[in-house]
Amino acid sequence: MTRWRAARPLGGRIPEALWSRAVELAARHGVAQVARALRLDYVRLKRRLAIKTEATAPPLPGFLDLTLGLPPAGSGCILALTDTRGRSLRIEWARPLAGEVAAVARSLWEATA
């Protein structure tokens, strides 16, 4: 980037090859850090990273079937959820009621939709 800036014509645009490399670095090290180090526009770099991420992200499922079968009375219950970003949540009940499990699952699902 420094060499390009030294040799560029006044007002010249950054070549796509340099933008692509900056986007790769931003994905690995963060948009703010790369934008600051390379003296790039933060918003433009963030927008380019978002476009690249959307293009390479796997499609979200159109339908997800949640089966909330509960164990026999007296035993515990564990609700484990994981999203496409790798975040996970685990809730354990000593004596669950079907309504409680369904309500928690529904509220979590609606909050992420």
Protein backbone atom coordinates (compact mmCIF):
# COMPACT_ATOMS: atom_id res chain seq x y z
CA MET A 1 0.00 0.00 0.00
CA THR A 2 2.84 2.38 0.82
CA ARG A 3 4.58 1.71 -2.51
CA TRP A 4 1.32 2.21 -4.40
CA ARG A 5 0.64 5.49 -2.61
CA ALA A 6 4.13 6.77 -3.45
CA ALA A 7 3.77 5.93 -7.16
CA ARG A 8 0.06 6.62 -7.72
CA PRO A 9 -1.23 9.43 -9.84
CA LEU A 10 -2.86 12.22 -7.87
CA GLY A 11 -6.43 11.20 -7.02
CA GLY A 12 -5.93 7.66 -8.30
CA ARG A 13 -8.23 4.94 -7.00
CA ILE A 14 -6.95 1.98 -5.02
CA PRO A 15 -6.68 -1.07 -7.33
CA GLU A 16 -9.04 -3.99 -6.68
CA ALA A 17 -6.08 -6.28 -5.95
CA LEU A 18 -5.08 -4.07 -3.00
CA TRP A 19 -8.68 -3.82 -1.77
CA SER A 20 -8.97 -7.62 -1.92
CA ARG A 21 -5.83 -8.05 0.16
CA ALA A 22 -7.04 -5.44 2.66
CA VAL A 23 -10.37 -7.28 2.97
CA GLU A 24 -8.52 -10.55 3.66
CA LEU A 25 -6.47 -8.85 6.36
CA ALA A 26 -9.60 -7.25 7.86
CA ALA A 27 -11.29 -10.65 8.07
CA ARG A 28 -8.31 -11.97 9.99
CA HIS A 29 -7.28 -8.95 12.12
CA GLY A 30 -10.36 -6.71 12.30
CA VAL A 31 -11.60 -3.81 10.22
CA ALA A 32 -10.51 -1.02 12.58
CA GLN A 33 -6.95 -2.27 12.97
CA VAL A 34 -6.42 -2.78 9.22
CA ALA A 35 -8.09 0.50 8.25
CA ARG A 36 -5.88 2.38 10.70
CA ALA A 37 -2.65 0.62 9.70
CA LEU A 38 -3.24 1.01 5.94
CA ARG A 39 -4.92 4.42 6.21
CA LEU A 40 -8.10 3.22 4.52
CA ASP A 41 -11.67 4.42 4.86
CA TYR A 42 -13.14 2.30 7.69
CA VAL A 43 -16.69 2.33 6.29
CA ARG A 44 -15.62 1.29 2.78
CA LEU A 45 -13.44 -1.52 4.13
CA LYS A 46 -16.22 -2.73 6.41
CA ARG A 47 -18.71 -2.67 3.51
CA ARG A 48 -16.36 -4.66 1.27
CA LEU A 49 -15.78 -7.20 4.03
CA ALA A 50 -19.54 -7.58 4.55
CA ILE A 51 -20.07 -8.18 0.82
CA LYS A 52 -17.31 -10.81 0.76
CA THR A 53 -18.68 -12.49 3.89
CA GLU A 54 -22.21 -12.62 2.47
CA ALA A 55 -20.93 -14.08 -0.79
CA THR A 56 -19.02 -16.87 0.98
CA ALA A 57 -21.49 -17.58 3.80
CA PRO A 58 -23.47 -20.82 3.52
CA PRO A 59 -27.19 -20.29 2.91
CA LEU A 60 -29.36 -20.28 6.00
CA PRO A 61 -31.82 -23.13 6.30
CA GLY A 62 -35.34 -22.28 5.18
CA PHE A 63 -36.88 -24.49 7.82
CA LEU A 64 -35.60 -25.95 11.06
CA ASP A 65 -37.55 -28.63 12.88
CA LEU A 66 -37.22 -28.45 16.66
CA THR A 67 -38.44 -31.56 18.38
CA LEU A 68 -39.00 -30.82 22.03
CA GLY A 69 -39.60 -34.29 23.36
CA LEU A 70 -39.21 -34.21 27.13
CA PRO A 71 -37.72 -36.98 29.25
CA PRO A 72 -39.86 -38.85 31.78
CA ALA A 73 -40.94 -36.94 34.88
CA GLY A 74 -38.33 -36.73 37.59
CA SER A 75 -35.32 -36.60 35.31
CA GLY A 76 -33.53 -33.46 34.14
CA CYS A 77 -33.58 -31.77 30.79
CA ILE A 78 -30.85 -30.02 28.79
CA LEU A 79 -31.61 -27.58 25.99
CA ALA A 80 -28.51 -26.96 23.82
CA LEU A 81 -28.68 -24.46 20.94
CA THR A 82 -25.93 -23.48 18.48
CA ASP A 83 -26.21 -20.90 15.69
CA THR A 84 -24.35 -20.62 12.38
CA ARG A 85 -21.76 -18.27 13.91
CA GLY A 86 -20.73 -20.92 16.43
CA ARG A 87 -22.37 -19.27 19.44
CA SER A 88 -24.01 -21.74 21.76
CA LEU A 89 -26.35 -21.74 24.72
CA ARG A 90 -27.01 -24.56 27.18
CA ILE A 91 -29.87 -24.52 29.70
CA GLU A 92 -30.42 -27.27 32.26
CA TRP A 93 -33.66 -27.87 34.17
CA ALA A 94 -33.93 -30.20 37.16
CA ARG A 95 -37.66 -30.80 36.56
CA PRO A 96 -38.81 -29.12 33.38
CA LEU A 97 -42.33 -28.42 32.33
CA ALA A 98 -43.06 -28.75 28.62
CA GLY A 99 -44.38 -25.18 28.52
CA GLU A 100 -41.16 -23.77 29.99
CA VAL A 101 -38.91 -25.50 27.48
CA ALA A 102 -41.12 -24.53 24.54
CA ALA A 103 -41.36 -20.89 25.72
CA VAL A 104 -37.58 -20.55 26.11
CA ALA A 105 -36.89 -22.17 22.74
CA ARG A 106 -39.51 -19.97 21.03
CA SER A 107 -38.20 -16.74 22.58
CA LEU A 108 -34.60 -17.59 21.65
CA TRP A 109 -35.57 -18.54 18.11
CA GLU A 110 -37.61 -15.34 17.59
CA ALA A 111 -34.82 -13.16 19.02
CA THR A 112 -32.33 -14.45 16.42
CA ALA A 113 -34.69 -14.47 13.43
